[in-house]
Amino acid sequence: MAAAQPFTIGLTGGIGSGKTAASDYFKQLGITVVDADVVARLVVAKDSPALASIAQHFGDSVLHSNGELHRAQLRDIIFQDPAQKQWLEQLLHPLIRQTIEQQLTEATGPYAIFVSPLLLETNQHQLCDRILVIDVPEATQLQRACGRDHNNPAQIQRIIDSQISRQQRLALADDVVDNSQDIAALQQKLAKLHRHYLTLSP
């Protein structure tokens, strides 16, 4: 008999909202965190079958000289060409979902956190019992995301525009945490939610 998936909280939010700060705090509390971005990097790791397919389709320009994926180059291609973006998603999404399901099944503890920037856009929320949205205004998203990795504001805006709107995200949430203050305020709100989640998990 296959192992059962634990009570799972889907954690999401727009770019620059503070998903990583939130998931890091849940880790500190001893909660298993499965991160879609980490899984996405895992399935296209150097020498993986998926990376070989990507290089064959897009050419060697999407590879660094050491054989690893050139993420910025690939991102530029797919954001300019919806058909190429669709091809990539059809390759990667099934692999990512399979790995996520496996990691959630292996999770220990009273509940698990599944963090994904595209939780609601890619139907990954179907893996979750509740949806937690980390929310900030769009202007704050831009400011944080541009300052974090010296990202290009136009590219960040394209990413924001490619995700569902803030209003749609909030409408689908079971729980919303405003992260427009400092890290201490965020952690205080998450600690309260943690206590609530402990009462919900079987």
N, C-alpha and C. Protein backbone atom coordinates (compact mmCIF):
# COMPACT_ATOMS: atom_id res chain seq x y z
N MET A 1 0.85 -1.20 0.00
CA MET A 1 0.00 0.00 0.00
C MET A 1 0.88 1.25 0.00
N ALA A 2 0.57 2.21 -0.84
CA ALA A 2 1.38 3.43 -0.95
C ALA A 2 1.22 4.27 0.31
N ALA A 3 2.30 4.95 0.69
CA ALA A 3 2.25 5.82 1.87
C ALA A 3 1.33 7.00 1.60
N ALA A 4 0.63 7.42 2.64
CA ALA A 4 -0.32 8.53 2.50
C ALA A 4 0.41 9.86 2.60
N GLN A 5 -0.09 10.84 1.87
CA GLN A 5 0.44 12.20 1.96
C GLN A 5 -0.10 12.86 3.23
N PRO A 6 0.75 13.58 3.97
CA PRO A 6 0.27 14.24 5.19
C PRO A 6 -0.63 15.43 4.86
N PHE A 7 -1.29 15.97 5.88
CA PHE A 7 -2.05 17.21 5.74
C PHE A 7 -1.10 18.26 5.17
N THR A 8 -1.47 18.85 4.04
CA THR A 8 -0.53 19.69 3.29
C THR A 8 -1.07 21.10 3.11
N ILE A 9 -0.23 22.08 3.48
CA ILE A 9 -0.54 23.49 3.29
C ILE A 9 0.21 23.97 2.05
N GLY A 10 -0.51 24.47 1.07
CA GLY A 10 0.12 25.07 -0.11
C GLY A 10 0.45 26.52 0.17
N LEU A 11 1.73 26.87 0.08
CA LEU A 11 2.20 28.23 0.36
C LEU A 11 2.58 28.90 -0.95
N THR A 12 1.98 30.04 -1.22
CA THR A 12 2.29 30.73 -2.47
C THR A 12 2.23 32.24 -2.27
N GLY A 13 2.53 32.95 -3.35
CA GLY A 13 2.56 34.41 -3.34
C GLY A 13 3.33 34.86 -4.56
N GLY A 14 3.16 36.09 -4.95
CA GLY A 14 3.87 36.61 -6.10
C GLY A 14 5.36 36.72 -5.85
N ILE A 15 6.13 36.96 -6.91
CA ILE A 15 7.57 37.15 -6.78
C ILE A 15 7.84 38.31 -5.82
N GLY A 16 8.82 38.11 -4.92
CA GLY A 16 9.17 39.16 -3.97
C GLY A 16 8.23 39.30 -2.79
N SER A 17 7.29 38.35 -2.63
CA SER A 17 6.31 38.47 -1.54
C SER A 17 6.86 37.99 -0.20
N GLY A 18 7.86 37.11 -0.24
CA GLY A 18 8.42 36.59 1.00
C GLY A 18 8.13 35.12 1.24
N LYS A 19 7.90 34.36 0.16
CA LYS A 19 7.63 32.93 0.31
C LYS A 19 8.79 32.20 0.97
N THR A 20 10.02 32.56 0.60
CA THR A 20 11.18 31.88 1.15
C THR A 20 11.33 32.17 2.64
N ALA A 21 11.14 33.42 3.03
CA ALA A 21 11.20 33.77 4.46
C ALA A 21 10.16 32.99 5.25
N ALA A 22 8.98 32.84 4.67
CA ALA A 22 7.90 32.10 5.34
C ALA A 22 8.24 30.61 5.44
N SER A 23 8.69 30.02 4.33
CA SER A 23 8.98 28.59 4.35
C SER A 23 10.18 28.29 5.25
N ASP A 24 11.17 29.20 5.30
CA ASP A 24 12.31 29.02 6.20
C ASP A 24 11.86 28.98 7.65
N TYR A 25 10.87 29.81 7.99
CA TYR A 25 10.37 29.83 9.36
C TYR A 25 9.66 28.52 9.70
N PHE A 26 8.86 28.01 8.78
CA PHE A 26 8.21 26.72 9.03
C PHE A 26 9.25 25.61 9.22
N LYS A 27 10.34 25.67 8.46
CA LYS A 27 11.43 24.69 8.66
C LYS A 27 11.99 24.78 10.07
N GLN A 28 12.16 26.01 10.57
CA GLN A 28 12.66 26.20 11.94
C GLN A 28 11.73 25.56 12.97
N LEU A 29 10.45 25.50 12.65
CA LEU A 29 9.46 24.89 13.55
C LEU A 29 9.44 23.37 13.42
N GLY A 30 10.27 22.82 12.54
CA GLY A 30 10.35 21.37 12.37
C GLY A 30 9.38 20.80 11.36
N ILE A 31 8.79 21.67 10.55
CA ILE A 31 7.83 21.23 9.54
C ILE A 31 8.57 20.90 8.23
N THR A 32 8.22 19.79 7.61
CA THR A 32 8.79 19.43 6.32
C THR A 32 8.31 20.42 5.25
N VAL A 33 9.25 20.99 4.50
CA VAL A 33 8.92 21.92 3.43
C VAL A 33 9.36 21.31 2.10
N VAL A 34 8.43 21.16 1.18
CA VAL A 34 8.72 20.72 -0.18
C VAL A 34 8.62 21.96 -1.07
N ASP A 35 9.70 22.29 -1.75
CA ASP A 35 9.79 23.54 -2.51
C ASP A 35 9.78 23.24 -4.01
N ALA A 36 8.77 23.75 -4.71
CA ALA A 36 8.66 23.48 -6.15
C ALA A 36 9.85 24.01 -6.92
N ASP A 37 10.42 25.15 -6.49
CA ASP A 37 11.59 25.70 -7.18
C ASP A 37 12.80 24.79 -7.03
N VAL A 38 12.97 24.20 -5.85
CA VAL A 38 14.07 23.26 -5.62
C VAL A 38 13.88 22.02 -6.48
N VAL A 39 12.66 21.52 -6.52
CA VAL A 39 12.35 20.35 -7.36
C VAL A 39 12.58 20.67 -8.83
N ALA A 40 12.17 21.87 -9.25
CA ALA A 40 12.35 22.27 -10.65
C ALA A 40 13.82 22.29 -11.04
N ARG A 41 14.69 22.72 -10.11
CA ARG A 41 16.14 22.70 -10.38
C ARG A 41 16.66 21.27 -10.40
N LEU A 42 16.10 20.43 -9.55
CA LEU A 42 16.54 19.04 -9.46
C LEU A 42 16.29 18.28 -10.76
N VAL A 43 15.12 18.50 -11.36
CA VAL A 43 14.78 17.72 -12.57
C VAL A 43 15.56 18.17 -13.80
N VAL A 44 16.18 19.37 -13.75
CA VAL A 44 17.01 19.83 -14.87
C VAL A 44 18.49 19.93 -14.46
N ALA A 45 18.87 19.14 -13.46
CA ALA A 45 20.26 19.13 -13.02
C ALA A 45 21.17 18.65 -14.15
N LYS A 46 22.44 18.97 -14.02
CA LYS A 46 23.43 18.56 -15.02
C LYS A 46 23.35 17.06 -15.27
N ASP A 47 23.37 16.67 -16.55
CA ASP A 47 23.34 15.28 -17.00
C ASP A 47 21.97 14.61 -16.84
N SER A 48 20.93 15.37 -16.47
CA SER A 48 19.59 14.78 -16.35
C SER A 48 18.97 14.59 -17.74
N PRO A 49 18.07 13.61 -17.90
CA PRO A 49 17.39 13.43 -19.19
C PRO A 49 16.62 14.67 -19.64
N ALA A 50 16.00 15.38 -18.69
CA ALA A 50 15.23 16.58 -19.05
C ALA A 50 16.13 17.66 -19.61
N LEU A 51 17.31 17.84 -19.02
CA LEU A 51 18.24 18.87 -19.52
C LEU A 51 18.73 18.52 -20.92
N ALA A 52 18.96 17.24 -21.16
CA ALA A 52 19.38 16.81 -22.50
C ALA A 52 18.29 17.14 -23.53
N SER A 53 17.03 16.94 -23.16
CA SER A 53 15.92 17.27 -24.07
C SER A 53 15.84 18.77 -24.33
N ILE A 54 16.06 19.56 -23.28
CA ILE A 54 16.02 21.02 -23.41
C ILE A 54 17.13 21.51 -24.35
N ALA A 55 18.34 20.98 -24.17
CA ALA A 55 19.47 21.39 -25.01
C ALA A 55 19.25 20.98 -26.46
N GLN A 56 18.66 19.81 -26.66
CA GLN A 56 18.39 19.35 -28.02
C GLN A 56 17.35 20.25 -28.70
N HIS A 57 16.36 20.71 -27.93
CA HIS A 57 15.28 21.53 -28.49
C HIS A 57 15.71 22.97 -28.73
N PHE A 58 16.39 23.58 -27.75
CA PHE A 58 16.72 25.01 -27.82
C PHE A 58 18.13 25.28 -28.33
N GLY A 59 18.98 24.27 -28.32
CA GLY A 59 20.37 24.47 -28.74
C GLY A 59 21.29 24.70 -27.55
N ASP A 60 22.59 24.66 -27.81
CA ASP A 60 23.58 24.74 -26.73
C ASP A 60 23.66 26.11 -26.07
N SER A 61 22.98 27.11 -26.63
CA SER A 61 23.02 28.45 -26.01
C SER A 61 22.35 28.45 -24.63
N VAL A 62 21.53 27.44 -24.35
CA VAL A 62 20.87 27.37 -23.04
C VAL A 62 21.69 26.59 -22.03
N LEU A 63 22.93 26.25 -22.40
CA LEU A 63 23.84 25.56 -21.48
C LEU A 63 25.05 26.43 -21.18
N HIS A 64 25.49 26.39 -19.92
CA HIS A 64 26.78 26.98 -19.57
C HIS A 64 27.89 26.07 -20.08
N SER A 65 29.11 26.57 -20.08
CA SER A 65 30.24 25.78 -20.57
C SER A 65 30.47 24.52 -19.72
N ASN A 66 30.01 24.54 -18.46
CA ASN A 66 30.19 23.37 -17.60
C ASN A 66 29.05 22.35 -17.74
N GLY A 67 28.12 22.62 -18.67
CA GLY A 67 27.04 21.68 -18.92
C GLY A 67 25.78 21.91 -18.10
N GLU A 68 25.80 22.92 -17.24
CA GLU A 68 24.61 23.23 -16.45
C GLU A 68 23.68 24.16 -17.22
N LEU A 69 22.41 24.19 -16.81
CA LEU A 69 21.41 25.01 -17.49
C LEU A 69 21.70 26.50 -17.32
N HIS A 70 21.65 27.24 -18.42
CA HIS A 70 21.78 28.71 -18.40
C HIS A 70 20.36 29.27 -18.22
N ARG A 71 19.97 29.47 -16.97
CA ARG A 71 18.57 29.81 -16.66
C ARG A 71 18.13 31.13 -17.26
N ALA A 72 19.00 32.13 -17.19
CA ALA A 72 18.63 33.46 -17.70
C ALA A 72 18.38 33.40 -19.21
N GLN A 73 19.23 32.66 -19.91
CA GLN A 73 19.07 32.53 -21.37
C GLN A 73 17.75 31.84 -21.72
N LEU A 74 17.47 30.75 -21.01
CA LEU A 74 16.23 30.02 -21.27
C LEU A 74 15.01 30.86 -20.91
N ARG A 75 15.09 31.58 -19.80
CA ARG A 75 13.98 32.43 -19.36
C ARG A 75 13.66 33.50 -20.40
N ASP A 76 14.72 34.10 -20.98
CA ASP A 76 14.51 35.12 -22.02
C ASP A 76 13.78 34.54 -23.23
N ILE A 77 14.15 33.32 -23.61
CA ILE A 77 13.53 32.69 -24.77
C ILE A 77 12.05 32.43 -24.53
N ILE A 78 11.73 31.83 -23.38
CA ILE A 78 10.34 31.39 -23.18
C ILE A 78 9.40 32.55 -22.87
N PHE A 79 9.91 33.63 -22.28
CA PHE A 79 9.03 34.76 -22.01
C PHE A 79 8.71 35.55 -23.28
N GLN A 80 9.52 35.37 -24.31
CA GLN A 80 9.27 36.06 -25.58
C GLN A 80 8.48 35.20 -26.56
N ASP A 81 8.34 33.91 -26.27
CA ASP A 81 7.69 32.99 -27.21
C ASP A 81 6.77 32.02 -26.46
N PRO A 82 5.47 32.29 -26.44
CA PRO A 82 4.53 31.44 -25.70
C PRO A 82 4.56 29.97 -26.12
N ALA A 83 4.81 29.71 -27.40
CA ALA A 83 4.85 28.32 -27.88
C ALA A 83 6.03 27.57 -27.26
N GLN A 84 7.17 28.25 -27.14
CA GLN A 84 8.34 27.62 -26.52
C GLN A 84 8.11 27.41 -25.02
N LYS A 85 7.43 28.37 -24.40
CA LYS A 85 7.10 28.24 -22.97
C LYS A 85 6.20 27.02 -22.75
N GLN A 86 5.24 26.85 -23.65
CA GLN A 86 4.32 25.71 -23.55
C GLN A 86 5.07 24.39 -23.73
N TRP A 87 6.00 24.34 -24.68
CA TRP A 87 6.78 23.12 -24.90
C TRP A 87 7.54 22.75 -23.63
N LEU A 88 8.19 23.75 -23.03
CA LEU A 88 8.98 23.51 -21.83
C LEU A 88 8.10 23.03 -20.68
N GLU A 89 6.95 23.66 -20.52
CA GLU A 89 6.04 23.27 -19.43
C GLU A 89 5.53 21.85 -19.61
N GLN A 90 5.24 21.46 -20.87
CA GLN A 90 4.76 20.10 -21.12
C GLN A 90 5.83 19.06 -20.81
N LEU A 91 7.09 19.44 -20.97
CA LEU A 91 8.19 18.54 -20.62
C LEU A 91 8.37 18.44 -19.10
N LEU A 92 8.40 19.61 -18.45
CA LEU A 92 8.84 19.65 -17.05
C LEU A 92 7.73 19.44 -16.03
N HIS A 93 6.53 19.94 -16.29
CA HIS A 93 5.49 19.89 -15.26
C HIS A 93 5.16 18.47 -14.77
N PRO A 94 5.04 17.47 -15.67
CA PRO A 94 4.79 16.11 -15.16
C PRO A 94 5.94 15.58 -14.30
N LEU A 95 7.17 15.87 -14.69
CA LEU A 95 8.34 15.42 -13.92
C LEU A 95 8.37 16.10 -12.55
N ILE A 96 8.08 17.40 -12.54
CA ILE A 96 8.08 18.15 -11.29
C ILE A 96 6.99 17.64 -10.37
N ARG A 97 5.79 17.44 -10.90
CA ARG A 97 4.67 16.99 -10.07
C ARG A 97 4.95 15.61 -9.46
N GLN A 98 5.51 14.71 -10.27
CA GLN A 98 5.82 13.36 -9.78
C GLN A 98 6.81 13.42 -8.61
N THR A 99 7.83 14.27 -8.74
CA THR A 99 8.83 14.40 -7.69
C THR A 99 8.24 15.05 -6.44
N ILE A 100 7.40 16.06 -6.63
CA ILE A 100 6.73 16.72 -5.50
C ILE A 100 5.87 15.73 -4.73
N GLU A 101 5.08 14.94 -5.45
CA GLU A 101 4.22 13.95 -4.80
C GLU A 101 5.04 12.96 -3.99
N GLN A 102 6.17 12.54 -4.54
CA GLN A 102 7.04 11.60 -3.84
C GLN A 102 7.58 12.22 -2.56
N GLN A 103 8.05 13.47 -2.64
CA GLN A 103 8.62 14.14 -1.46
C GLN A 103 7.56 14.39 -0.40
N LEU A 104 6.34 14.74 -0.80
CA LEU A 104 5.26 14.95 0.18
C LEU A 104 4.91 13.65 0.88
N THR A 105 4.89 12.56 0.14
CA THR A 105 4.59 11.25 0.72
C THR A 105 5.63 10.86 1.76
N GLU A 106 6.88 11.29 1.54
CA GLU A 106 7.97 10.96 2.46
C GLU A 106 8.07 11.92 3.64
N ALA A 107 7.23 12.97 3.65
CA ALA A 107 7.30 13.99 4.70
C ALA A 107 6.90 13.40 6.05
N THR A 108 7.55 13.91 7.10
CA THR A 108 7.20 13.51 8.46
C THR A 108 6.73 14.74 9.23
N GLY A 109 6.05 14.53 10.33
CA GLY A 109 5.57 15.65 11.13
C GLY A 109 4.06 15.78 11.06
N PRO A 110 3.50 16.73 11.81
CA PRO A 110 2.04 16.87 11.89
C PRO A 110 1.39 17.36 10.60
N TYR A 111 2.14 18.12 9.81
CA TYR A 111 1.67 18.57 8.51
C TYR A 111 2.88 18.92 7.66
N ALA A 112 2.65 19.18 6.37
CA ALA A 112 3.74 19.55 5.46
C ALA A 112 3.40 20.87 4.78
N ILE A 113 4.45 21.61 4.42
CA ILE A 113 4.30 22.84 3.64
C ILE A 113 4.79 22.56 2.22
N PHE A 114 3.97 22.88 1.25
CA PHE A 114 4.39 22.80 -0.15
C PHE A 114 4.41 24.21 -0.71
N VAL A 115 5.61 24.72 -1.00
CA VAL A 115 5.74 26.11 -1.45
C VAL A 115 5.98 26.15 -2.96
N SER A 116 5.19 26.97 -3.65
CA SER A 116 5.30 27.08 -5.10
C SER A 116 4.83 28.45 -5.57
N PRO A 117 5.62 29.13 -6.42
CA PRO A 117 5.17 30.42 -6.96
C PRO A 117 4.00 30.27 -7.93
N LEU A 118 3.85 29.07 -8.51
CA LEU A 118 2.79 28.83 -9.50
C LEU A 118 1.78 27.80 -8.98
N LEU A 119 1.57 27.79 -7.69
CA LEU A 119 0.67 26.82 -7.06
C LEU A 119 -0.71 26.83 -7.70
N LEU A 120 -1.23 28.04 -7.94
CA LEU A 120 -2.60 28.19 -8.44
C LEU A 120 -2.68 28.20 -9.96
N GLU A 121 -1.56 28.54 -10.62
CA GLU A 121 -1.54 28.61 -12.08
C GLU A 121 -1.40 27.23 -12.73
N THR A 122 -0.80 26.28 -12.04
CA THR A 122 -0.48 24.98 -12.64
C THR A 122 -1.25 23.83 -11.99
N ASN A 123 -2.32 24.15 -11.26
CA ASN A 123 -3.15 23.14 -10.59
C ASN A 123 -2.41 22.35 -9.52
N GLN A 124 -1.25 22.85 -9.08
CA GLN A 124 -0.54 22.17 -8.00
C GLN A 124 -1.32 22.27 -6.69
N HIS A 125 -2.25 23.23 -6.61
CA HIS A 125 -3.04 23.37 -5.38
C HIS A 125 -3.91 22.13 -5.13
N GLN A 126 -4.09 21.30 -6.16
CA GLN A 126 -4.86 20.06 -5.98
C GLN A 126 -4.15 19.09 -5.04
N LEU A 127 -2.87 19.30 -4.81
CA LEU A 127 -2.11 18.46 -3.88
C LEU A 127 -2.27 18.92 -2.43
N CYS A 128 -2.99 20.02 -2.22
CA CYS A 128 -3.01 20.68 -0.91
C CYS A 128 -4.38 20.62 -0.25
N ASP A 129 -4.36 20.65 1.09
CA ASP A 129 -5.60 20.70 1.87
C ASP A 129 -6.02 22.14 2.16
N ARG A 130 -5.05 23.04 2.23
CA ARG A 130 -5.33 24.46 2.45
C ARG A 130 -4.35 25.30 1.64
N ILE A 131 -4.74 26.54 1.35
CA ILE A 131 -3.87 27.46 0.61
C ILE A 131 -3.53 28.65 1.50
N LEU A 132 -2.23 28.89 1.67
CA LEU A 132 -1.72 30.05 2.41
C LEU A 132 -1.04 31.00 1.43
N VAL A 133 -1.52 32.22 1.36
CA VAL A 133 -0.93 33.23 0.47
C VAL A 133 -0.16 34.25 1.29
N ILE A 134 1.11 34.46 0.92
CA ILE A 134 1.92 35.55 1.47
C ILE A 134 1.70 36.74 0.54
N ASP A 135 1.19 37.82 1.10
CA ASP A 135 0.71 38.92 0.25
C ASP A 135 1.44 40.23 0.53
N VAL A 136 1.83 40.90 -0.56
CA VAL A 136 2.34 42.28 -0.49
C VAL A 136 1.81 43.02 -1.71
N PRO A 137 1.74 44.35 -1.66
CA PRO A 137 1.34 45.12 -2.84
C PRO A 137 2.34 44.92 -3.99
N GLU A 138 1.87 45.12 -5.22
CA GLU A 138 2.72 44.90 -6.39
C GLU A 138 3.95 45.80 -6.38
N ALA A 139 3.81 47.03 -5.90
CA ALA A 139 4.96 47.94 -5.84
C ALA A 139 6.05 47.37 -4.93
N THR A 140 5.64 46.72 -3.84
CA THR A 140 6.60 46.09 -2.93
C THR A 140 7.26 44.89 -3.59
N GLN A 141 6.47 44.12 -4.34
CA GLN A 141 7.04 43.00 -5.09
C GLN A 141 8.18 43.46 -5.99
N LEU A 142 7.91 44.50 -6.78
CA LEU A 142 8.92 45.02 -7.71
C LEU A 142 10.17 45.48 -6.97
N GLN A 143 9.97 46.23 -5.91
CA GLN A 143 11.09 46.78 -5.14
C GLN A 143 11.96 45.67 -4.57
N ARG A 144 11.33 44.67 -3.96
CA ARG A 144 12.09 43.59 -3.33
C ARG A 144 12.77 42.70 -4.36
N ALA A 145 12.03 42.33 -5.41
CA ALA A 145 12.59 41.41 -6.41
C ALA A 145 13.74 42.05 -7.18
N CYS A 146 13.64 43.34 -7.45
CA CYS A 146 14.72 44.03 -8.17
C CYS A 146 15.94 44.20 -7.28
N GLY A 147 15.72 44.47 -6.01
CA GLY A 147 16.84 44.68 -5.10
C GLY A 147 17.54 43.40 -4.71
N ARG A 148 16.81 42.28 -4.75
CA ARG A 148 17.34 41.01 -4.24
C ARG A 148 18.50 40.50 -5.08
N ASP A 149 18.32 40.40 -6.38
CA ASP A 149 19.36 39.84 -7.25
C ASP A 149 19.77 40.81 -8.35
N HIS A 150 19.55 42.11 -8.12
CA HIS A 150 19.83 43.12 -9.14
C HIS A 150 19.12 42.77 -10.45
N ASN A 151 17.87 42.31 -10.30
CA ASN A 151 17.09 41.92 -11.48
C ASN A 151 16.63 43.15 -12.26
N ASN A 152 16.40 42.93 -13.54
CA ASN A 152 15.88 43.98 -14.41
C ASN A 152 14.41 44.22 -14.11
N PRO A 153 14.00 45.47 -13.82
CA PRO A 153 12.60 45.75 -13.48
C PRO A 153 11.61 45.28 -14.55
N ALA A 154 11.98 45.42 -15.83
CA ALA A 154 11.08 45.00 -16.91
C ALA A 154 10.87 43.49 -16.87
N GLN A 155 11.94 42.75 -16.57
CA GLN A 155 11.82 41.29 -16.50
C GLN A 155 10.96 40.88 -15.30
N ILE A 156 11.14 41.56 -14.17
CA ILE A 156 10.32 41.27 -12.99
C ILE A 156 8.85 41.56 -13.29
N GLN A 157 8.59 42.66 -13.99
CA GLN A 157 7.21 43.01 -14.33
C GLN A 157 6.60 41.94 -15.24
N ARG A 158 7.40 41.39 -16.16
CA ARG A 158 6.90 40.32 -17.04
C ARG A 158 6.53 39.09 -16.22
N ILE A 159 7.35 38.78 -15.22
CA ILE A 159 7.06 37.63 -14.35
C ILE A 159 5.76 37.87 -13.58
N ILE A 160 5.61 39.08 -13.03
CA ILE A 160 4.37 39.43 -12.30
C ILE A 160 3.17 39.28 -13.23
N ASP A 161 3.30 39.78 -14.45
CA ASP A 161 2.19 39.74 -15.41
C ASP A 161 1.86 38.32 -15.86
N SER A 162 2.85 37.42 -15.78
CA SER A 162 2.62 36.03 -16.21
C SER A 162 1.94 35.21 -15.13
N GLN A 163 1.94 35.71 -13.89
CA GLN A 163 1.28 35.02 -12.80
C GLN A 163 -0.17 35.52 -12.68
N ILE A 164 -1.01 34.76 -11.98
CA ILE A 164 -2.38 35.23 -11.79
C ILE A 164 -2.35 36.51 -10.96
N SER A 165 -3.41 37.28 -11.06
CA SER A 165 -3.43 38.58 -10.39
C SER A 165 -3.48 38.43 -8.87
N ARG A 166 -3.07 39.47 -8.20
CA ARG A 166 -3.12 39.48 -6.74
C ARG A 166 -4.56 39.21 -6.26
N GLN A 167 -5.54 39.82 -6.92
CA GLN A 167 -6.94 39.65 -6.52
C GLN A 167 -7.38 38.19 -6.67
N GLN A 168 -6.99 37.55 -7.78
CA GLN A 168 -7.34 36.14 -7.98
C GLN A 168 -6.70 35.26 -6.92
N ARG A 169 -5.44 35.54 -6.61
CA ARG A 169 -4.71 34.75 -5.63
C ARG A 169 -5.38 34.84 -4.26
N LEU A 170 -5.74 36.06 -3.87
CA LEU A 170 -6.37 36.27 -2.57
C LEU A 170 -7.74 35.59 -2.51
N ALA A 171 -8.45 35.59 -3.63
CA ALA A 171 -9.78 34.99 -3.66
C ALA A 171 -9.73 33.47 -3.45
N LEU A 172 -8.61 32.85 -3.84
CA LEU A 172 -8.46 31.40 -3.74
C LEU A 172 -7.82 30.96 -2.43
N ALA A 173 -7.40 31.91 -1.61
CA ALA A 173 -6.67 31.59 -0.38
C ALA A 173 -7.61 31.19 0.75
N ASP A 174 -7.16 30.22 1.56
CA ASP A 174 -7.82 29.93 2.84
C ASP A 174 -7.26 30.83 3.93
N ASP A 175 -5.97 31.11 3.83
CA ASP A 175 -5.28 31.96 4.81
C ASP A 175 -4.43 32.98 4.07
N VAL A 176 -4.41 34.22 4.55
CA VAL A 176 -3.61 35.29 3.94
C VAL A 176 -2.76 35.93 5.02
N VAL A 177 -1.46 36.06 4.75
CA VAL A 177 -0.55 36.76 5.66
C VAL A 177 0.02 37.97 4.94
N ASP A 178 -0.21 39.14 5.51
CA ASP A 178 0.34 40.39 4.97
C ASP A 178 1.81 40.48 5.38
N ASN A 179 2.71 40.56 4.39
CA ASN A 179 4.14 40.62 4.66
C ASN A 179 4.74 41.96 4.25
N SER A 180 4.01 43.03 4.49
CA SER A 180 4.54 44.36 4.13
C SER A 180 5.35 44.97 5.27
N GLN A 181 5.44 44.25 6.41
CA GLN A 181 6.24 44.74 7.54
C GLN A 181 7.57 43.99 7.59
N ASP A 182 8.18 43.90 8.78
CA ASP A 182 9.50 43.26 8.88
C ASP A 182 9.37 41.76 9.15
N ILE A 183 10.53 41.08 9.22
CA ILE A 183 10.55 39.63 9.38
C ILE A 183 9.96 39.19 10.71
N ALA A 184 10.15 40.00 11.76
CA ALA A 184 9.59 39.65 13.08
C ALA A 184 8.07 39.62 13.03
N ALA A 185 7.48 40.59 12.34
CA ALA A 185 6.02 40.63 12.22
C ALA A 185 5.52 39.43 11.42
N LEU A 186 6.26 39.07 10.37
CA LEU A 186 5.88 37.91 9.56
C LEU A 186 5.90 36.64 10.41
N GLN A 187 6.97 36.45 11.17
CA GLN A 187 7.11 35.24 11.97
C GLN A 187 6.05 35.15 13.06
N GLN A 188 5.68 36.28 13.62
CA GLN A 188 4.62 36.29 14.64
C GLN A 188 3.29 35.79 14.04
N LYS A 189 2.99 36.24 12.84
CA LYS A 189 1.75 35.81 12.17
C LYS A 189 1.82 34.32 11.81
N LEU A 190 2.99 33.87 11.37
CA LEU A 190 3.14 32.47 10.98
C LEU A 190 3.08 31.55 12.20
N ALA A 191 3.60 32.00 13.33
CA ALA A 191 3.54 31.20 14.56
C ALA A 191 2.09 30.95 14.96
N LYS A 192 1.26 31.97 14.82
CA LYS A 192 -0.16 31.82 15.11
C LYS A 192 -0.82 30.82 14.16
N LEU A 193 -0.47 30.92 12.87
CA LEU A 193 -1.01 29.97 11.89
C LEU A 193 -0.53 28.55 12.17
N HIS A 194 0.72 28.41 12.57
CA HIS A 194 1.27 27.09 12.90
C HIS A 194 0.43 26.42 13.98
N ARG A 195 0.11 27.17 15.03
CA ARG A 195 -0.72 26.62 16.10
C ARG A 195 -2.09 26.20 15.57
N HIS A 196 -2.62 26.99 14.66
CA HIS A 196 -3.91 26.66 14.04
C HIS A 196 -3.80 25.39 13.19
N TYR A 197 -2.73 25.28 12.41
CA TYR A 197 -2.56 24.11 11.55
C TYR A 197 -2.40 22.83 12.36
N LEU A 198 -1.80 22.93 13.53
CA LEU A 198 -1.65 21.75 14.39
C LEU A 198 -3.01 21.21 14.81
N THR A 199 -3.99 22.09 14.94
CA THR A 199 -5.34 21.64 15.32
C THR A 199 -6.10 21.05 14.14
N LEU A 200 -5.66 21.36 12.92
CA LEU A 200 -6.36 20.89 11.72
C LEU A 200 -5.85 19.54 11.23
N SER A 201 -4.56 19.27 11.44
CA SER A 201 -3.97 18.05 10.89
C SER A 201 -4.50 16.84 11.67
N PRO A 202 -4.78 15.75 10.96
CA PRO A 202 -5.37 14.55 11.59
C PRO A 202 -4.46 13.96 12.65
